[in-house]
Protein backbone atom coordinates (compact mmCIF):
# COMPACT_ATOMS: atom_id res chain seq x y z
CA ARG A 1 76.63 48.09 68.81
CA GLN A 2 76.20 44.19 70.66
CA TYR A 3 74.37 40.82 69.71
CA PHE A 4 72.74 38.28 71.54
CA ALA A 5 72.15 34.60 70.09
CA GLN A 6 68.40 34.05 69.09
CA LEU A 7 66.51 31.68 68.83
CA VAL A 8 65.02 31.52 65.15
CA ASP A 9 61.79 29.86 66.00
CA HIS A 10 60.42 29.34 69.54
CA ASN A 11 58.77 26.68 68.91
CA ASP A 12 61.38 24.69 67.28
CA LYS A 13 64.59 25.31 68.53
CA SER A 14 66.20 23.38 66.55
CA ALA A 15 65.97 25.94 63.72
CA GLY A 16 69.51 27.44 65.47
CA THR A 17 69.83 31.06 66.55
CA PHE A 18 70.17 34.44 64.95
CA ARG A 19 72.52 37.57 65.75
CA GLN A 20 70.06 39.92 67.37
CA ALA A 21 71.35 43.41 68.01
CA PHE A 22 70.68 45.55 70.84
CA TYR A 23 72.78 48.44 72.53
CA GLU A 24 73.45 48.80 76.28
CA VAL A 25 74.00 52.09 78.25
CA GLN A 26 75.15 52.60 81.64
CA PRO A 27 75.12 54.42 84.57
CA THR A 28 77.71 57.48 85.34
CA THR A 29 80.05 56.22 87.80
CA GLU A 30 78.33 57.99 90.51
CA GLY A 31 74.72 56.55 90.00
CA LEU A 32 75.95 53.35 90.27
CA ARG A 33 73.57 50.56 92.15
CA SER A 34 74.97 47.30 93.66
CA ALA A 35 74.97 44.40 91.03
CA GLU A 36 72.60 42.34 93.22
CA ALA A 37 69.80 45.20 93.05
CA VAL A 38 69.53 47.09 89.54
CA VAL A 39 66.86 49.39 87.54
CA VAL A 40 67.01 48.10 83.73
CA PHE A 41 64.67 50.48 81.19
CA LEU A 42 64.18 47.97 78.07
CA TYR A 43 63.64 49.80 74.78
CA LEU A 44 61.66 47.40 72.22
CA GLY A 45 62.04 48.28 68.79
CA GLY A 46 59.48 48.48 66.83
CA THR A 47 59.30 48.47 62.65
CA ASP A 48 62.16 50.09 61.83
CA ALA A 49 66.05 49.35 62.80
CA LEU A 50 67.98 50.76 65.66
CA SER A 51 71.25 52.99 64.65
CA ALA A 52 71.79 54.53 67.88
CA PRO A 53 71.69 53.56 71.34
CA VAL A 54 67.55 54.98 72.98
CA GLY A 55 68.54 56.18 76.31
CA ARG A 56 71.92 57.89 76.42
CA TYR A 57 71.47 59.96 79.62
CA GLY A 58 70.39 63.37 78.98
CA ALA A 59 69.94 62.90 75.29
CA ASP A 60 66.00 61.48 74.73
CA TRP A 61 62.98 61.75 77.62
CA VAL A 62 64.12 57.74 78.29
CA GLY A 63 67.91 58.79 78.68
CA MET A 64 66.38 61.54 81.28
CA LEU A 65 64.10 58.94 83.39
CA ALA A 66 66.90 56.42 83.15
CA GLU A 67 69.29 59.15 85.05
CA GLN A 68 67.29 60.33 87.59
CA SER A 69 66.55 55.86 88.68
CA SER A 70 70.63 55.48 87.75
CA ALA A 71 69.28 52.77 85.52
CA ILE A 72 70.75 50.58 82.51
CA VAL A 73 68.81 51.07 79.57
CA LEU A 74 68.87 48.34 76.88
CA SER A 75 67.26 48.80 73.65
CA LEU A 76 66.98 45.85 71.70
CA GLU A 77 66.31 45.30 67.47
CA HIS A 78 62.93 43.89 66.41
CA ARG A 79 63.70 40.99 64.32
CA PHE A 80 63.35 41.07 60.72
CA PHE A 81 64.64 44.85 61.27
CA GLY A 82 68.17 46.03 60.92
CA ASP A 83 70.71 43.08 61.11
CA SER A 84 68.77 40.86 63.18
CA MET A 85 67.61 38.70 60.32
CA PRO A 86 66.75 35.11 61.47
CA VAL A 87 66.72 34.33 58.09
CA PRO A 88 68.04 35.47 55.13
CA ASP A 89 64.95 35.67 52.88
CA LEU A 90 61.81 37.97 52.65
CA THR A 91 59.70 34.52 51.58
CA ALA A 92 56.35 34.20 52.61
CA ALA A 93 57.77 30.99 54.41
CA SER A 94 60.37 32.94 56.01
CA LEU A 95 57.88 35.97 57.07
CA ARG A 96 55.80 33.28 59.49
CA LEU A 97 58.38 34.02 61.91
CA LEU A 98 57.13 37.54 62.03
CA ASP A 99 54.45 37.78 64.26
CA VAL A 100 53.84 38.75 67.98
CA GLU A 101 54.66 36.13 69.45
CA GLN A 102 57.78 35.34 68.12
CA ALA A 103 58.72 38.90 69.03
CA LEU A 104 57.43 38.84 73.20
CA GLN A 105 59.89 35.69 73.09
CA ASP A 106 62.57 37.86 71.96
CA ALA A 107 62.24 40.19 74.55
CA GLU A 108 61.57 37.44 77.27
CA ALA A 109 64.62 35.71 76.15
CA PHE A 110 67.00 38.66 75.63
CA ILE A 111 65.96 39.80 79.17
CA SER A 112 66.25 36.37 81.41
CA TRP A 113 69.88 36.02 79.71
CA TYR A 114 71.24 39.50 80.40
CA LEU A 115 70.29 40.04 84.01
CA GLN A 116 71.86 36.56 84.26
CA ARG A 117 75.40 37.92 82.68
CA ILE A 118 75.50 41.02 85.35
CA GLY A 119 73.53 38.86 87.89
CA ALA A 120 70.95 40.63 88.92
CA SER A 121 69.23 38.77 91.49
CA GLN A 122 66.82 41.36 92.65
CA SER A 123 66.07 43.72 89.89
CA GLN A 124 63.70 46.37 88.22
CA VAL A 125 62.37 45.93 84.88
CA ILE A 126 60.57 48.67 82.78
CA ALA A 127 59.80 47.90 79.22
CA PHE A 128 59.91 50.80 77.11
CA GLY A 129 58.46 50.92 73.77
CA THR A 130 56.66 53.25 71.05
CA GLY A 131 53.89 52.38 68.52
CA HIS A 132 54.27 48.26 67.56
CA GLY A 133 57.00 48.65 70.28
CA ALA A 134 54.78 50.35 72.62
CA MET A 135 52.30 47.47 72.39
CA LEU A 136 54.99 44.56 72.72
CA ALA A 137 55.87 46.90 75.70
CA ALA A 138 52.56 47.11 77.12
CA ASN A 139 52.08 42.80 76.56
CA LEU A 140 55.22 41.98 78.82
CA ARG A 141 53.94 43.98 81.59
CA ARG A 142 50.44 42.28 80.92
CA ARG A 143 52.37 37.86 81.20
CA LEU A 144 55.34 38.60 83.34
CA PRO A 145 54.18 41.00 86.02
CA GLU A 146 57.19 39.01 87.96
CA THR A 147 59.62 40.08 85.24
CA PHE A 148 58.49 43.66 84.10
CA THR A 149 57.86 46.29 87.14
CA ALA A 150 55.97 48.21 84.70
CA ALA A 151 55.91 49.11 81.01
CA HIS A 152 55.62 52.61 79.09
CA ALA A 153 53.22 52.19 76.26
CA SER A 154 53.52 55.63 74.22
CA GLY A 155 50.85 54.83 70.71
CA ALA A 156 50.57 51.28 71.66
CA ALA A 157 48.38 49.83 69.38
CA VAL A 158 46.14 47.26 71.72
CA LEU A 159 43.35 47.34 69.86
CA ALA A 160 42.42 45.63 67.00
CA SER A 161 39.89 47.01 64.44
CA PRO A 162 38.65 45.94 61.28
CA THR A 163 38.09 49.48 60.03
CA THR A 164 40.78 52.11 60.36
CA SER A 165 37.62 54.47 61.35
CA ASP A 166 38.74 55.38 65.24
CA PHE A 167 42.23 56.32 63.67
CA ASP A 168 41.41 58.41 61.18
CA ALA A 169 39.29 60.30 63.24
CA GLN A 170 42.38 61.00 65.95
CA CYS A 171 44.02 62.24 63.38
CA ALA A 172 41.43 64.60 61.83
CA ILE A 173 41.38 65.88 65.42
CA ASN A 174 44.98 66.11 65.58
CA ALA A 175 45.36 67.73 62.46
CA GLY A 176 42.27 70.27 62.75
CA ALA A 177 39.64 70.99 60.13
CA SER A 178 41.16 72.85 57.45
CA CYS A 179 44.61 70.31 57.62
CA SER A 180 42.15 67.09 57.95
CA HIS A 181 39.77 68.45 55.10
CA LEU A 182 42.73 68.73 52.53
CA ILE A 183 43.62 64.77 53.52
CA ARG A 184 39.86 64.01 52.83
CA GLN A 185 40.79 65.45 49.49
CA ALA A 186 43.64 63.94 48.86
CA VAL A 187 42.57 60.49 49.77
CA SER A 188 39.61 60.44 48.11
CA ARG A 189 41.15 61.57 44.78
CA ALA A 190 44.05 58.55 45.36
CA MET A 191 41.43 55.73 45.95
CA PHE A 192 40.05 57.04 42.58
CA LEU A 193 43.03 56.94 41.27
CA LEU A 194 43.54 53.50 42.61
CA LYS A 195 40.67 52.29 41.10
CA ASP A 196 41.89 53.37 37.40
CA THR A 197 43.57 50.42 36.11
CA ALA A 198 42.52 51.10 31.92
CA PRO A 199 45.37 51.65 30.02
CA GLY A 200 46.29 55.38 29.69
CA PRO A 201 46.78 57.04 25.91
CA ASP A 202 48.81 55.09 23.44
CA GLY A 203 48.90 51.66 25.73
CA GLY A 204 50.56 53.79 28.38
CA PRO A 205 50.43 52.83 32.29
CA SER A 206 46.90 53.36 33.58
CA LEU A 207 46.09 56.22 36.21
CA ALA A 208 46.57 53.96 39.04
CA THR A 209 49.92 52.31 37.72
CA GLN A 210 51.34 56.12 37.48
CA LEU A 211 50.27 56.81 41.31
CA LYS A 212 52.16 53.33 42.42
CA LEU A 213 54.99 54.66 40.18
CA GLN A 214 55.48 57.81 42.26
CA PHE A 215 56.07 55.83 45.05
CA GLY A 216 58.45 53.24 43.92
CA ALA A 217 55.15 50.65 44.11
CA GLY A 218 54.72 49.93 40.46
CA ASN A 219 54.48 46.56 40.68
CA ALA A 220 52.54 46.44 43.67
């Protein structure tokens, strides 16, 4: 586990830097390329901490692809997750730094620094990610094609929608008819309970609060 001095706010360099965590997996000795011409896989962390390197040879699908390409695999932890904290608190004012544009510029700054560090003048960089990280990977390829040769975006959320009907429909297809019927019943029951905010017997918590407490969200 290594750290990169990342800008806290890419719109205000005077805000200083923070330690953004990343992992580096080097090719085996037999697969090493020249320092100038390298293949780099950049795995972009999403909405969770990176507790272990992605892309260890033979350990996961990224690693299998990397081994075939003799690629260096970097995995970059997303700001505000794990110990990659730009600021020490999660107030509304601080969370303005948690947005897509800041995360994209994190990746851009990091890969530029890394390629300079290893002296790679001819590089092929492929961005990887799943979910939110996949959205970042796709956008990096779109906005910086001269840097990112390709992107593998698995489950990328690239279409904004005011409703979740399309997502719900895909979940129903994946779950199957019988299971999706049970999911609908559970969701309908939960929505009913959440609307019941009247105090319970003897002034106890409402049904909505009781449901929230089961998920540790009693104050939500």
